[in-house]
C-alpha atoms as a PDB file:
ATOM      1  CA  UNK A   1     -16.975   0.818 -32.294  1.00  0.00           C
ATOM      2  CA  UNK A   2     -18.899  -1.344 -34.801  1.00  0.00           C
ATOM      3  CA  UNK A   3     -18.186   0.674 -37.679  1.00  0.00           C
ATOM      4  CA  UNK A   4     -14.731   0.496 -36.740  1.00  0.00           C
ATOM      5  CA  UNK A   5     -14.717   4.753 -36.402  1.00  0.00           C
ATOM      6  CA  UNK A   6     -13.563   3.664 -32.538  1.00  0.00           C
ATOM      7  CA  UNK A   7      -9.858   5.257 -32.189  1.00  0.00           C
ATOM      8  CA  UNK A   8      -8.051   5.220 -29.082  1.00  0.00           C
ATOM      9  CA  UNK A   9      -5.797   8.209 -27.652  1.00  0.00           C
ATOM     10  CA  UNK A  10      -2.480   7.808 -26.693  1.00  0.00           C
ATOM     11  CA  UNK A  11      -1.844  10.403 -24.161  1.00  0.00           C
ATOM     12  CA  UNK A  12      -0.710  10.596 -19.840  1.00  0.00           C
ATOM     13  CA  UNK A  13      -3.257   8.652 -18.065  1.00  0.00           C
ATOM     14  CA  UNK A  14      -3.748  10.688 -14.722  1.00  0.00           C
ATOM     15  CA  UNK A  15      -5.844   7.858 -12.244  1.00  0.00           C
ATOM     16  CA  UNK A  16      -6.178  10.507  -9.124  1.00  0.00           C
ATOM     17  CA  UNK A  17      -7.991  12.890 -11.660  1.00  0.00           C
ATOM     18  CA  UNK A  18     -10.053   9.927 -13.411  1.00  0.00           C
ATOM     19  CA  UNK A  19     -11.122   8.816 -10.155  1.00  0.00           C
ATOM     20  CA  UNK A  20     -11.978  12.170  -8.921  1.00  0.00           C
ATOM     21  CA  UNK A  21     -14.021  12.812 -11.709  1.00  0.00           C
ATOM     22  CA  UNK A  22     -15.886   9.763 -11.144  1.00  0.00           C
ATOM     23  CA  UNK A  23     -16.740  10.417  -7.696  1.00  0.00           C
ATOM     24  CA  UNK A  24     -17.628  14.014  -8.596  1.00  0.00           C
ATOM     25  CA  UNK A  25     -20.014  12.676 -11.533  1.00  0.00           C
ATOM     26  CA  UNK A  26     -21.359  10.146  -8.946  1.00  0.00           C
ATOM     27  CA  UNK A  27     -21.387  11.637  -5.190  1.00  0.00           C
ATOM     28  CA  UNK A  28     -24.580  13.517  -5.068  1.00  0.00           C
ATOM     29  CA  UNK A  29     -26.270  10.641  -5.822  1.00  0.00           C
ATOM     30  CA  UNK A  30     -24.234   8.213  -4.006  1.00  0.00           C
ATOM     31  CA  UNK A  31     -25.465  11.204  -0.498  1.00  0.00           C
ATOM     32  CA  UNK A  32     -29.125  11.362  -1.775  1.00  0.00           C
ATOM     33  CA  UNK A  33     -29.244   7.464  -1.176  1.00  0.00           C
ATOM     34  CA  UNK A  34     -27.180   6.807   1.410  1.00  0.00           C
ATOM     35  CA  UNK A  35     -24.569   5.304  -0.225  1.00  0.00           C
ATOM     36  CA  UNK A  36     -20.849   5.079   0.707  1.00  0.00           C
ATOM     37  CA  UNK A  37     -18.567   6.049  -2.520  1.00  0.00           C
ATOM     38  CA  UNK A  38     -15.046   4.391  -1.865  1.00  0.00           C
ATOM     39  CA  UNK A  39     -11.974   5.056  -3.703  1.00  0.00           C
ATOM     40  CA  UNK A  40      -9.055   2.922  -3.417  1.00  0.00           C
ATOM     41  CA  UNK A  41      -5.946   3.014  -5.715  1.00  0.00           C
ATOM     42  CA  UNK A  42      -2.569   1.314  -5.724  1.00  0.00           C
ATOM     43  CA  UNK A  43       0.400   3.233  -6.081  1.00  0.00           C
ATOM     44  CA  UNK A  44       1.577   2.143  -9.972  1.00  0.00           C
ATOM     45  CA  UNK A  45       5.322   1.467 -10.633  1.00  0.00           C
ATOM     46  CA  UNK A  46       5.410   4.292 -13.237  1.00  0.00           C
ATOM     47  CA  UNK A  47       3.901   6.807 -15.320  1.00  0.00           C
ATOM     48  CA  UNK A  48       1.500   5.712 -17.651  1.00  0.00           C
ATOM     49  CA  UNK A  49       0.266   6.249 -20.853  1.00  0.00           C
ATOM     50  CA  UNK A  50      -3.134   5.144 -22.930  1.00  0.00           C
ATOM     51  CA  UNK A  51      -6.815   6.928 -23.609  1.00  0.00           C
ATOM     52  CA  UNK A  52      -7.770   8.538 -20.151  1.00  0.00           C
ATOM     53  CA  UNK A  53     -10.762   9.198 -21.834  1.00  0.00           C
ATOM     54  CA  UNK A  54     -12.408   5.904 -22.401  1.00  0.00           C
ATOM     55  CA  UNK A  55     -10.837   4.562 -19.462  1.00  0.00           C
ATOM     56  CA  UNK A  56     -13.391   7.120 -17.355  1.00  0.00           C
ATOM     57  CA  UNK A  57     -15.995   6.096 -19.420  1.00  0.00           C
ATOM     58  CA  UNK A  58     -15.811   2.062 -19.103  1.00  0.00           C
ATOM     59  CA  UNK A  59     -15.174   2.850 -15.293  1.00  0.00           C
ATOM     60  CA  UNK A  60     -18.170   5.533 -15.131  1.00  0.00           C
ATOM     61  CA  UNK A  61     -20.421   2.587 -16.920  1.00  0.00           C
ATOM     62  CA  UNK A  62     -19.723   0.299 -14.137  1.00  0.00           C
ATOM     63  CA  UNK A  63     -19.563   2.745 -11.718  1.00  0.00           C
ATOM     64  CA  UNK A  64     -22.914   4.038 -12.146  1.00  0.00           C
ATOM     65  CA  UNK A  65     -24.433   0.204 -12.359  1.00  0.00           C
ATOM     66  CA  UNK A  66     -23.532  -0.354  -9.385  1.00  0.00           C
ATOM     67  CA  UNK A  67     -24.775   3.032  -7.736  1.00  0.00           C
ATOM     68  CA  UNK A  68     -27.786   2.550  -9.667  1.00  0.00           C
ATOM     69  CA  UNK A  69     -28.590  -1.036  -8.771  1.00  0.00           C
ATOM     70  CA  UNK A  70     -27.350  -0.496  -4.599  1.00  0.00           C
ATOM     71  CA  UNK A  71     -29.799   0.668  -1.608  1.00  0.00           C
ATOM     72  CA  UNK A  72     -27.735   0.562   1.001  1.00  0.00           C
ATOM     73  CA  UNK A  73     -23.792  -0.261   1.867  1.00  0.00           C
ATOM     74  CA  UNK A  74     -21.465   0.993  -0.082  1.00  0.00           C
ATOM     75  CA  UNK A  75     -19.703   1.269  -4.065  1.00  0.00           C
ATOM     76  CA  UNK A  76     -16.155   0.885  -4.252  1.00  0.00           C
ATOM     77  CA  UNK A  77     -13.884   1.720  -6.951  1.00  0.00           C
ATOM     78  CA  UNK A  78     -10.323   0.132  -7.008  1.00  0.00           C
ATOM     79  CA  UNK A  79      -7.606   0.188  -9.412  1.00  0.00           C
ATOM     80  CA  UNK A  80      -4.146  -1.812  -8.825  1.00  0.00           C
ATOM     81  CA  UNK A  81      -1.213  -2.841 -11.484  1.00  0.00           C
ATOM     82  CA  UNK A  82      -1.843  -6.320 -12.629  1.00  0.00           C
ATOM     83  CA  UNK A  83       1.124  -7.207 -14.405  1.00  0.00           C
ATOM     84  CA  UNK A  84       3.775  -5.441 -16.289  1.00  0.00           C
ATOM     85  CA  UNK A  85       6.072  -6.267 -19.435  1.00  0.00           C
ATOM     86  CA  UNK A  86       9.526  -3.909 -20.378  1.00  0.00           C
ATOM     87  CA  UNK A  87       6.553  -1.446 -22.057  1.00  0.00           C
ATOM     88  CA  UNK A  88       3.805  -2.215 -21.192  1.00  0.00           C
ATOM     89  CA  UNK A  89       1.775  -2.395 -18.204  1.00  0.00           C
ATOM     90  CA  UNK A  90      -1.648  -4.137 -17.122  1.00  0.00           C
ATOM     91  CA  UNK A  91      -4.306  -2.047 -15.206  1.00  0.00           C
ATOM     92  CA  UNK A  92      -6.985  -3.710 -12.989  1.00  0.00           C
ATOM     93  CA  UNK A  93     -10.426  -1.527 -12.439  1.00  0.00           C
ATOM     94  CA  UNK A  94     -12.793  -3.347  -9.866  1.00  0.00           C
ATOM     95  CA  UNK A  95     -16.543  -1.943  -8.630  1.00  0.00           C
ATOM     96  CA  UNK A  96     -17.644  -3.765  -5.911  1.00  0.00           C
ATOM     97  CA  UNK A  97     -20.807  -2.599  -4.586  1.00  0.00           C
ATOM     98  CA  UNK A  98     -23.334  -4.314  -1.926  1.00  0.00           C
ATOM     99  CA  UNK A  99     -26.695  -4.290  -4.457  1.00  0.00           C
ATOM    100  CA  UNK A 100     -29.439  -6.556  -5.005  1.00  0.00           C
ATOM    101  CA  UNK A 101     -26.491  -9.167  -6.981  1.00  0.00           C
ATOM    102  CA  UNK A 102     -27.430 -11.451  -9.949  1.00  0.00           C
ATOM    103  CA  UNK A 103     -28.669 -15.059 -10.072  1.00  0.00           C
ATOM    104  CA  UNK A 104     -25.728 -17.399 -11.656  1.00  0.00           C
ATOM    105  CA  UNK A 105     -27.851 -18.494 -14.463  1.00  0.00           C
ATOM    106  CA  UNK A 106     -28.245 -14.837 -15.686  1.00  0.00           C
ATOM    107  CA  UNK A 107     -24.773 -13.931 -15.464  1.00  0.00           C
ATOM    108  CA  UNK A 108     -23.561 -15.254 -18.478  1.00  0.00           C
ATOM    109  CA  UNK A 109     -25.642 -12.948 -21.287  1.00  0.00           C
ATOM    110  CA  UNK A 110     -25.055  -9.724 -19.127  1.00  0.00           C
ATOM    111  CA  UNK A 111     -22.157  -8.071 -21.529  1.00  0.00           C
ATOM    112  CA  UNK A 112     -23.834  -8.639 -24.674  1.00  0.00           C
ATOM    113  CA  UNK A 113     -25.286  -5.495 -25.933  1.00  0.00           C
ATOM    114  CA  UNK A 114     -28.897  -4.822 -25.150  1.00  0.00           C
ATOM    115  CA  UNK A 115     -29.084  -7.082 -22.223  1.00  0.00           C
ATOM    116  CA  UNK A 116     -29.816  -7.016 -18.369  1.00  0.00           C
ATOM    117  CA  UNK A 117     -29.721  -9.454 -16.098  1.00  0.00           C
ATOM    118  CA  UNK A 118     -33.924  -9.247 -15.971  1.00  0.00           C
ATOM    119  CA  UNK A 119     -35.343  -7.559 -18.645  1.00  0.00           C
ATOM    120  CA  UNK A 120     -38.390  -6.979 -16.259  1.00  0.00           C
ATOM    121  CA  UNK A 121     -35.785  -4.842 -13.664  1.00  0.00           C
ATOM    122  CA  UNK A 122     -35.414  -2.347 -16.796  1.00  0.00           C
ATOM    123  CA  UNK A 123     -39.131  -0.824 -15.243  1.00  0.00           C
ATOM    124  CA  UNK A 124     -37.746  -0.047 -12.299  1.00  0.00           C
ATOM    125  CA  UNK A 125     -34.354   1.231 -12.954  1.00  0.00           C
ATOM    126  CA  UNK A 126     -33.790   1.548 -16.354  1.00  0.00           C
ATOM    127  CA  UNK A 127     -30.954   2.010 -18.764  1.00  0.00           C
ATOM    128  CA  UNK A 128     -30.685   0.183 -22.161  1.00  0.00           C
ATOM    129  CA  UNK A 129     -28.605  -3.294 -21.584  1.00  0.00           C
ATOM    130  CA  UNK A 130     -24.999  -1.359 -23.570  1.00  0.00           C
ATOM    131  CA  UNK A 131     -23.429  -0.010 -20.719  1.00  0.00           C
ATOM    132  CA  UNK A 132     -21.297  -4.182 -20.223  1.00  0.00           C
ATOM    133  CA  UNK A 133     -20.558  -4.042 -23.656  1.00  0.00           C
ATOM    134  CA  UNK A 134     -19.322  -1.059 -24.470  1.00  0.00           C
ATOM    135  CA  UNK A 135     -17.310  -1.514 -21.214  1.00  0.00           C
ATOM    136  CA  UNK A 136     -15.817  -4.536 -22.485  1.00  0.00           C
ATOM    137  CA  UNK A 137     -15.359  -3.651 -26.168  1.00  0.00           C
ATOM    138  CA  UNK A 138     -12.858  -0.812 -24.772  1.00  0.00           C
ATOM    139  CA  UNK A 139     -10.896  -3.404 -22.525  1.00  0.00           C
ATOM    140  CA  UNK A 140     -10.732  -5.345 -25.446  1.00  0.00           C
ATOM    141  CA  UNK A 141      -9.189  -3.040 -27.967  1.00  0.00           C
ATOM    142  CA  UNK A 142      -6.850  -1.940 -25.213  1.00  0.00           C
ATOM    143  CA  UNK A 143      -5.710  -5.308 -24.964  1.00  0.00           C
ATOM    144  CA  UNK A 144      -7.860  -6.309 -21.184  1.00  0.00           C
ATOM    145  CA  UNK A 145     -10.720  -8.092 -20.780  1.00  0.00           C
ATOM    146  CA  UNK A 146     -13.883  -7.403 -18.511  1.00  0.00           C
ATOM    147  CA  UNK A 147     -15.865  -9.994 -16.407  1.00  0.00           C
ATOM    148  CA  UNK A 148     -17.387 -10.176 -12.895  1.00  0.00           C
ATOM    149  CA  UNK A 149     -18.527 -12.150 -10.208  1.00  0.00           C
ATOM    150  CA  UNK A 150     -21.992 -12.241  -8.327  1.00  0.00           C
ATOM    151  CA  UNK A 151     -23.744 -13.703  -4.946  1.00  0.00           C
ATOM    152  CA  UNK A 152     -27.538 -13.167  -5.761  1.00  0.00           C
ATOM    153  CA  UNK A 153     -28.936 -10.558  -2.784  1.00  0.00           C
ATOM    154  CA  UNK A 154     -25.509  -9.964  -1.309  1.00  0.00           C
ATOM    155  CA  UNK A 155     -23.944  -7.428  -4.007  1.00  0.00           C
ATOM    156  CA  UNK A 156     -21.348  -7.742  -7.066  1.00  0.00           C
ATOM    157  CA  UNK A 157     -18.114  -6.589  -8.646  1.00  0.00           C
ATOM    158  CA  UNK A 158     -17.157  -5.455 -12.101  1.00  0.00           C
ATOM    159  CA  UNK A 159     -13.615  -5.585 -13.189  1.00  0.00           C
ATOM    160  CA  UNK A 160     -11.879  -5.158 -16.817  1.00  0.00           C
ATOM    161  CA  UNK A 161      -8.168  -4.846 -17.167  1.00  0.00           C
ATOM    162  CA  UNK A 162      -6.193  -2.357 -19.546  1.00  0.00           C
ATOM    163  CA  UNK A 163      -2.480  -2.923 -21.188  1.00  0.00           C
ATOM    164  CA  UNK A 164      -1.413   0.630 -20.584  1.00  0.00           C
ATOM    165  CA  UNK A 165       2.248   1.813 -22.534  1.00  0.00           C
ATOM    166  CA  UNK A 166       4.870   2.982 -20.057  1.00  0.00           C
ATOM    167  CA  UNK A 167       6.515   5.291 -22.956  1.00  0.00           C
ATOM    168  CA  UNK A 168       5.146   8.724 -23.546  1.00  0.00           C
ATOM    169  CA  UNK A 169       4.271   9.292 -26.922  1.00  0.00           C
ATOM    170  CA  UNK A 170       6.244  12.609 -26.811  1.00  0.00           C
ATOM    171  CA  UNK A 171       9.265  13.058 -24.291  1.00  0.00           C
ATOM    172  CA  UNK A 172       8.211  16.672 -23.858  1.00  0.00           C
ATOM    173  CA  UNK A 173       4.845  15.722 -22.563  1.00  0.00           C
ATOM    174  CA  UNK A 174       6.857  14.302 -19.327  1.00  0.00           C
ATOM    175  CA  UNK A 175       8.797  17.498 -18.266  1.00  0.00           C
ATOM    176  CA  UNK A 176       7.006  17.964 -15.265  1.00  0.00           C
ATOM    177  CA  UNK A 177       6.749  14.440 -14.185  1.00  0.00           C
ATOM    178  CA  UNK A 178       5.369  15.752 -10.248  1.00  0.00           C
ATOM    179  CA  UNK A 179       3.477  17.954  -8.890  1.00  0.00           C
ATOM    180  CA  UNK A 180       6.936  19.229  -6.723  1.00  0.00           C
ATOM    181  CA  UNK A 181       9.186  19.819 -10.600  1.00  0.00           C
ATOM    182  CA  UNK A 182       5.917  21.487 -11.884  1.00  0.00           C
ATOM    183  CA  UNK A 183       5.821  23.950  -8.969  1.00  0.00           C
ATOM    184  CA  UNK A 184       9.498  24.652  -9.101  1.00  0.00           C
ATOM    185  CA  UNK A 185       9.146  25.495 -12.997  1.00  0.00           C
ATOM    186  CA  UNK A 186       6.219  27.686 -12.935  1.00  0.00           C
ATOM    187  CA  UNK A 187       7.946  29.459  -9.690  1.00  0.00           C
ATOM    188  CA  UNK A 188      11.412  30.009 -11.830  1.00  0.00           C
ATOM    189  CA  UNK A 189       9.854  30.518 -15.351  1.00  0.00           C
ATOM    190  CA  UNK A 190       6.037  31.826 -15.229  1.00  0.00           C
ATOM    191  CA  UNK A 191       6.388  34.506 -12.160  1.00  0.00           C
ATOM    192  CA  UNK A 192       3.519  37.180 -13.170  1.00  0.00           C
ATOM    193  CA  UNK A 193       2.544  35.840 -16.320  1.00  0.00           C
ATOM    194  CA  UNK A 194      -1.026  36.927 -16.658  1.00  0.00           C
ATOM    195  CA  UNK A 195      -3.378  34.312 -16.950  1.00  0.00           C
ATOM    196  CA  UNK A 196      -7.515  34.637 -17.869  1.00  0.00           C
ATOM    197  CA  UNK A 197      -9.903  32.797 -15.389  1.00  0.00           C
ATOM    198  CA  UNK A 198     -13.070  31.926 -17.086  1.00  0.00           C
ATOM    199  CA  UNK A 199     -15.366  30.027 -14.696  1.00  0.00           C
ATOM    200  CA  UNK A 200     -19.141  30.375 -13.427  1.00  0.00           C
ATOM    201  CA  UNK A 201     -19.134  28.785 -10.251  1.00  0.00           C
ATOM    202  CA  UNK A 202     -18.041  30.903  -7.758  1.00  0.00           C
ATOM    203  CA  UNK A 203     -16.257  28.167  -5.714  1.00  0.00           C
ATOM    204  CA  UNK A 204     -14.532  26.217  -8.708  1.00  0.00           C
ATOM    205  CA  UNK A 205     -13.439  29.889  -9.648  1.00  0.00           C
ATOM    206  CA  UNK A 206     -12.054  30.648  -6.018  1.00  0.00           C
ATOM    207  CA  UNK A 207     -10.350  27.584  -5.908  1.00  0.00           C
ATOM    208  CA  UNK A 208      -8.191  27.775  -9.206  1.00  0.00           C
ATOM    209  CA  UNK A 209      -7.948  31.422  -8.356  1.00  0.00           C
ATOM    210  CA  UNK A 210      -6.197  30.617  -5.134  1.00  0.00           C
ATOM    211  CA  UNK A 211      -4.177  27.525  -6.920  1.00  0.00           C
ATOM    212  CA  UNK A 212      -2.773  30.016  -9.922  1.00  0.00           C
ATOM    213  CA  UNK A 213      -2.039  32.889  -7.831  1.00  0.00           C
ATOM    214  CA  UNK A 214       0.135  30.243  -5.082  1.00  0.00           C
ATOM    215  CA  UNK A 215       2.850  29.549  -7.770  1.00  0.00           C
ATOM    216  CA  UNK A 216       2.814  33.771  -8.979  1.00  0.00           C
ATOM    217  CA  UNK A 217       0.370  33.855 -11.572  1.00  0.00           C
ATOM    218  CA  UNK A 218      -1.325  37.158 -11.989  1.00  0.00           C
ATOM    219  CA  UNK A 219      -4.827  36.338 -12.233  1.00  0.00           C
ATOM    220  CA  UNK A 220      -7.802  37.826 -13.677  1.00  0.00           C
ATOM    221  CA  UNK A 221     -11.493  36.541 -13.555  1.00  0.00           C
ATOM    222  CA  UNK A 222     -14.705  36.099 -15.773  1.00  0.00           C
ATOM    223  CA  UNK A 223     -17.655  34.513 -14.839  1.00  0.00           C
ATOM    224  CA  UNK A 224     -19.258  33.864 -18.652  1.00  0.00           C
ATOM    225  CA  UNK A 225     -18.329  33.781 -22.137  1.00  0.00           C
ATOM    226  CA  UNK A 226     -19.058  36.810 -22.722  1.00  0.00           C
ATOM    227  CA  UNK A 227     -16.855  38.716 -19.948  1.00  0.00           C
ATOM    228  CA  UNK A 228     -14.230  36.923 -20.992  1.00  0.00           C
ATOM    229  CA  UNK A 229     -14.827  38.520 -24.814  1.00  0.00           C
ATOM    230  CA  UNK A 230     -14.367  41.914 -23.748  1.00  0.00           C
ATOM    231  CA  UNK A 231     -11.509  41.092 -21.513  1.00  0.00           C
ATOM    232  CA  UNK A 232      -9.446  39.273 -24.101  1.00  0.00           C
ATOM    233  CA  UNK A 233     -10.249  42.219 -26.353  1.00  0.00           C
ATOM    234  CA  UNK A 234      -8.607  44.945 -23.695  1.00  0.00           C
ATOM    235  CA  UNK A 235      -6.070  43.237 -22.458  1.00  0.00           C
ATOM    236  CA  UNK A 236      -2.645  41.388 -23.488  1.00  0.00           C
ATOM    237  CA  UNK A 237      -2.635  37.435 -22.137  1.00  0.00           C
ATOM    238  CA  UNK A 238      -0.271  34.940 -21.576  1.00  0.00           C
ATOM    239  CA  UNK A 239      -2.849  32.275 -20.936  1.00  0.00           C
ATOM    240  CA  UNK A 240      -6.619  31.581 -20.999  1.00  0.00           C
ATOM    241  CA  UNK A 241      -8.408  28.757 -18.826  1.00  0.00           C
ATOM    242  CA  UNK A 242     -11.978  28.267 -20.551  1.00  0.00           C
ATOM    243  CA  UNK A 243     -14.984  26.671 -18.816  1.00  0.00           C
ATOM    244  CA  UNK A 244     -16.723  24.618 -21.348  1.00  0.00           C
ATOM    245  CA  UNK A 245     -20.325  25.377 -19.912  1.00  0.00           C
ATOM    246  CA  UNK A 246     -21.717  28.591 -18.812  1.00  0.00           C
ATOM    247  CA  UNK A 247     -24.488  30.632 -19.260  1.00  0.00           C
ATOM    248  CA  UNK A 248     -24.918  33.455 -22.132  1.00  0.00           C
ATOM    249  CA  UNK A 249     -22.074  32.480 -24.086  1.00  0.00           C
ATOM    250  CA  UNK A 250     -20.389  29.055 -23.553  1.00  0.00           C
ATOM    251  CA  UNK A 251     -16.755  28.316 -23.305  1.00  0.00           C
ATOM    252  CA  UNK A 252     -16.735  27.136 -27.303  1.00  0.00           C
ATOM    253  CA  UNK A 253     -17.997  29.832 -28.799  1.00  0.00           C
ATOM    254  CA  UNK A 254     -16.526  32.429 -26.586  1.00  0.00           C
ATOM    255  CA  UNK A 255     -13.265  30.621 -28.106  1.00  0.00           C
ATOM    256  CA  UNK A 256     -14.074  30.946 -31.198  1.00  0.00           C
ATOM    257  CA  UNK A 257     -15.382  34.916 -31.012  1.00  0.00           C
ATOM    258  CA  UNK A 258     -11.394  35.760 -29.112  1.00  0.00           C
ATOM    259  CA  UNK A 259      -9.703  33.814 -32.242  1.00  0.00           C
ATOM    260  CA  UNK A 260     -11.348  35.929 -34.617  1.00  0.00           C
ATOM    261  CA  UNK A 261      -9.720  39.411 -33.544  1.00  0.00           C
ATOM    262  CA  UNK A 262      -6.428  40.273 -34.073  1.00  0.00           C
ATOM    263  CA  UNK A 263      -5.028  39.899 -29.961  1.00  0.00           C
ATOM    264  CA  UNK A 264      -6.604  36.472 -29.539  1.00  0.00           C
ATOM    265  CA  UNK A 265      -5.120  34.854 -32.311  1.00  0.00           C
ATOM    266  CA  UNK A 266      -2.285  33.127 -30.427  1.00  0.00           C
ATOM    267  CA  UNK A 267      -3.317  33.404 -26.839  1.00  0.00           C
ATOM    268  CA  UNK A 268      -2.981  29.538 -25.237  1.00  0.00           C
ATOM    269  CA  UNK A 269      -6.376  28.331 -24.343  1.00  0.00           C
ATOM    270  CA  UNK A 270      -6.833  25.120 -22.284  1.00  0.00           C
ATOM    271  CA  UNK A 271     -10.875  24.252 -21.793  1.00  0.00           C
ATOM    272  CA  UNK A 272     -11.957  23.090 -18.666  1.00  0.00           C
ATOM    273  CA  UNK A 273     -14.524  20.627 -17.940  1.00  0.00           C
ATOM    274  CA  UNK A 274     -16.441  17.866 -16.410  1.00  0.00           C
ATOM    275  CA  UNK A 275     -17.218  16.190 -19.737  1.00  0.00           C
ATOM    276  CA  UNK A 276     -14.019  14.407 -20.289  1.00  0.00           C
ATOM    277  CA  UNK A 277     -14.405  12.113 -22.921  1.00  0.00           C
ATOM    278  CA  UNK A 278     -12.425  11.971 -26.615  1.00  0.00           C
ATOM    279  CA  UNK A 279     -15.624  13.828 -28.334  1.00  0.00           C
ATOM    280  CA  UNK A 280     -15.175  16.663 -26.121  1.00  0.00           C
ATOM    281  CA  UNK A 281     -11.686  17.161 -26.399  1.00  0.00           C
ATOM    282  CA  UNK A 282     -11.981  17.159 -29.983  1.00  0.00           C
ATOM    283  CA  UNK A 283     -14.881  19.913 -29.553  1.00  0.00           C
ATOM    284  CA  UNK A 284     -12.348  21.828 -27.678  1.00  0.00           C
ATOM    285  CA  UNK A 285      -9.852  21.249 -30.266  1.00  0.00           C
ATOM    286  CA  UNK A 286     -11.747  22.335 -33.265  1.00  0.00           C
ATOM    287  CA  UNK A 287     -13.004  25.575 -32.004  1.00  0.00           C
ATOM    288  CA  UNK A 288      -9.342  26.650 -31.476  1.00  0.00           C
ATOM    289  CA  UNK A 289      -8.379  25.897 -28.077  1.00  0.00           C
ATOM    290  CA  UNK A 290      -4.968  24.284 -27.657  1.00  0.00           C
ATOM    291  CA  UNK A 291      -6.062  21.895 -24.803  1.00  0.00           C
ATOM    292  CA  UNK A 292      -7.955  20.477 -22.469  1.00  0.00           C
ATOM    293  CA  UNK A 293      -8.261  19.512 -18.715  1.00  0.00           C
ATOM    294  CA  UNK A 294     -10.954  17.574 -16.968  1.00  0.00           C
ATOM    295  CA  UNK A 295     -12.575  19.009 -13.695  1.00  0.00           C
ATOM    296  CA  UNK A 296     -12.793  18.636 -11.310  1.00  0.00           C
ATOM    297  CA  UNK A 297      -9.037  20.026 -11.881  1.00  0.00           C
ATOM    298  CA  UNK A 298      -6.567  18.121  -9.782  1.00  0.00           C
ATOM    299  CA  UNK A 299      -3.317  20.584  -8.491  1.00  0.00           C
ATOM    300  CA  UNK A 300      -0.953  18.176  -9.545  1.00  0.00           C
ATOM    301  CA  UNK A 301      -2.382  18.098 -13.428  1.00  0.00           C
ATOM    302  CA  UNK A 302      -3.244  21.887 -12.854  1.00  0.00           C
ATOM    303  CA  UNK A 303       0.511  22.735 -12.780  1.00  0.00           C
ATOM    304  CA  UNK A 304       1.694  20.206 -14.917  1.00  0.00           C
ATOM    305  CA  UNK A 305      -0.074  21.573 -17.932  1.00  0.00           C
ATOM    306  CA  UNK A 306       1.207  25.228 -17.162  1.00  0.00           C
ATOM    307  CA  UNK A 307       4.505  24.369 -17.260  1.00  0.00           C
ATOM    308  CA  UNK A 308       4.477  22.037 -20.219  1.00  0.00           C
END
């Protein structure tokens, strides 16, 4: 950010998927601590576009902090529409917790780099003191702000806002604006198309297979990249859904090898990964993938990707 290398993307923002990703990442830790992880989402007035991965990064920073400093009670993630203009929507993200709270005299320096409320706490809780500073920078680059309110000993609420656009950068992105439209398009035009699903986790594989077969795709399965390479050499596929992190041969290496042989040169390959940041997307594209979808995969987003 400080070096001026920070570039924002302008892609469809799916708030449901963003929340699903964060609860998937933090859910187990919350369960282990006995903390209730709550999400609240007020529907927006229209589809929005912006840098979804950076929004997730900023919100994840706040949620991770809240969970770290909360020993009992809950952490609540909330998103709502704050205002709008003809072309933009200002979205407000909040993370409320019932944690240790912050003393009034410590609050003003919280969003500064390498600062924590009480640096002595770093021995117990760890951290670099960069998360809040990065979140503030991301919010400001998106035309928003960041702030907080806290009562010592009772909990805190951290928030940031972002100005997101209403208009799609490419109208083709909005071909399937609703899940019903996406399902109908797939059933009408893509019936019987063959998909190779590459996923090492059995439950994820079973769920994705069911979602694909429900709308008429023929699905082959591979549990790792090596099996995917073998199948792609011997069968013709209309699409490959490729997990990134797998044993033996990962998704990036498998994609590179598939691209090297004639049969795999033009197959559309969509990455599936829990690491939904811009750097991960760039790695996927550099390896020869065509697109990127974050896990856990939402039904609506999966169908929209497939029908476009």
